[in-house]
Protein backbone atom coordinates (compact mmCIF):
# COMPACT_ATOMS: atom_id res chain seq x y z
CA MET A 1 14.14 -31.90 -17.24
CA LYS A 2 12.90 -32.68 -13.73
CA ASN A 3 14.98 -29.85 -12.23
CA LEU A 4 13.60 -27.43 -14.80
CA ASN A 5 10.04 -28.18 -13.70
CA ILE A 6 10.86 -27.66 -10.01
CA LYS A 7 12.79 -24.49 -10.82
CA THR A 8 9.93 -23.14 -12.94
CA PHE A 9 7.40 -23.90 -10.22
CA LEU A 10 9.50 -22.11 -7.58
CA TYR A 11 9.94 -19.06 -9.80
CA ILE A 12 6.23 -18.85 -10.54
CA ALA A 13 5.32 -19.21 -6.86
CA LEU A 14 7.84 -16.54 -5.89
CA VAL A 15 6.57 -14.13 -8.54
CA ILE A 16 2.96 -14.61 -7.42
CA ILE A 17 3.83 -14.01 -3.77
CA LEU A 18 5.96 -10.97 -4.56
CA PHE A 19 3.30 -9.51 -6.84
CA THR A 20 0.63 -9.95 -4.18
CA VAL A 21 2.71 -8.35 -1.43
CA ILE A 22 4.04 -5.45 -3.50
CA ASN A 23 0.78 -4.78 -5.31
CA SER A 24 -1.13 -4.29 -2.05
CA ASP A 25 1.31 -1.61 -0.88
CA LEU A 26 1.54 0.11 -4.25
CA LEU A 27 -2.24 0.22 -4.38
CA ALA A 28 -2.29 1.82 -0.94
CA ILE A 29 0.24 4.44 -2.11
CA THR A 30 -1.85 5.42 -5.14
CA ILE A 31 -5.20 5.55 -3.34
CA GLY A 32 -4.13 8.09 -0.76
CA GLY A 33 -4.31 8.31 2.99
CA SER A 34 -1.51 9.41 5.25
CA GLY A 35 1.71 11.00 4.04
CA PHE A 36 3.84 9.73 1.20
CA GLU A 37 6.77 9.21 3.56
CA ASN A 38 4.73 6.83 5.74
CA LYS A 39 3.68 4.83 2.69
CA ILE A 40 7.25 4.47 1.47
CA LYS A 41 8.28 3.40 5.00
CA SER A 42 5.48 0.81 4.93
CA LEU A 43 6.69 -0.49 1.57
CA GLN A 44 10.25 -0.70 2.89
CA ASP A 45 9.10 -2.56 5.98
CA LYS A 46 7.08 -4.99 3.87
CA PHE A 47 10.10 -5.61 1.64
CA LEU A 48 12.47 -6.19 4.56
CA ASN A 49 10.13 -8.20 6.75
CA VAL A 50 8.19 -10.23 4.18
CA ILE A 51 9.79 -10.37 0.75
CA LEU A 52 13.43 -10.90 1.74
CA PRO A 53 12.67 -13.76 4.16
CA ILE A 54 10.40 -15.42 1.59
CA MET A 55 13.14 -15.21 -1.02
CA ALA A 56 15.66 -16.62 1.48
CA VAL A 57 13.41 -19.59 2.27
CA PHE A 58 12.77 -20.29 -1.42
CA GLY A 59 16.49 -20.09 -2.15
CA LEU A 60 17.34 -22.50 0.65
CA GLY A 61 14.56 -24.84 -0.45
CA TYR A 62 15.80 -24.80 -4.03
CA ALA A 63 19.39 -25.43 -2.92
CA GLY A 64 18.15 -28.29 -0.74
CA VAL A 65 16.33 -29.85 -3.67
CA LEU A 66 19.48 -29.55 -5.76
CA ALA A 67 21.49 -31.23 -3.00
CA ALA A 68 18.92 -34.02 -2.68
CA THR A 69 19.06 -34.70 -6.41
CA GLY A 70 22.85 -34.91 -6.35
CA ASN A 71 23.73 -31.72 -8.19
CA GLU A 72 27.46 -31.02 -8.06
CA GLY A 73 27.08 -27.26 -7.54
CA ALA A 74 24.56 -27.59 -4.71
CA LYS A 75 27.11 -27.07 -1.94
CA GLY A 76 28.14 -23.70 -3.35
CA LYS A 77 24.51 -22.68 -3.79
CA ILE A 78 23.72 -23.63 -0.19
CA VAL A 79 26.62 -21.52 1.08
CA LEU A 80 25.50 -18.55 -1.03
CA CYS A 81 21.90 -19.00 0.15
CA LEU A 82 23.01 -19.05 3.78
CA ILE A 83 25.03 -15.86 3.31
CA GLY A 84 22.13 -14.22 1.49
CA SER A 85 19.70 -15.36 4.18
CA ALA A 86 21.88 -13.93 6.92
CA VAL A 87 22.04 -10.59 5.13
CA ALA A 88 18.29 -10.68 4.43
CA PHE A 89 17.34 -11.41 8.03
CA LEU A 90 19.82 -8.85 9.38
CA ALA A 91 18.86 -6.15 6.85
CA PRO A 92 16.45 -4.27 9.17
CA TYR A 93 19.14 -4.05 11.85
CA ILE A 94 21.81 -3.01 9.34
CA ILE A 95 19.55 -0.25 7.99
CA ALA A 96 18.70 0.94 11.52
CA PHE A 97 22.41 1.02 12.40
CA VAL A 98 23.31 3.01 9.28
CA GLN A 99 20.41 5.43 9.84
CA SER A 100 21.47 6.03 13.44
CA ALA A 101 25.09 6.56 12.34
CA VAL A 102 23.99 9.12 9.75
CA GLY A 103 21.68 10.80 12.24
CA GLN A 104 18.24 10.16 10.76
C-alpha cells in the first residue's frame, strides 16, 4: 500500500508538470503570432528539452525508491530507466543527425 501512494503521487506530479508545460505551448499555437512551423518547432524543443528529462528523472527516482524498499524487480527497472534516460537526453542530437542525413 505504501508503494501505491508513492507511485500515485509521482504520477500526479508528472501529469501536472506535463500539463503545465504542454498547455503553455498549445495556448501559444492557438493564439497566433509567428508561423505555424515555428510554433511546432517550439513545441518539439519543449518536449525534447523539458518533458523528456523530467520523465527520466521521475523514472530514476521511482526506481530508486523501489530499490530502497527492497523490491525484487527494481534492478531491471533501474536498467530500463538508465537506457530510457540516455535516449531521452540524446534525443535532440539523434534528431539533428537524422535531419542532417535526410537533408533538412
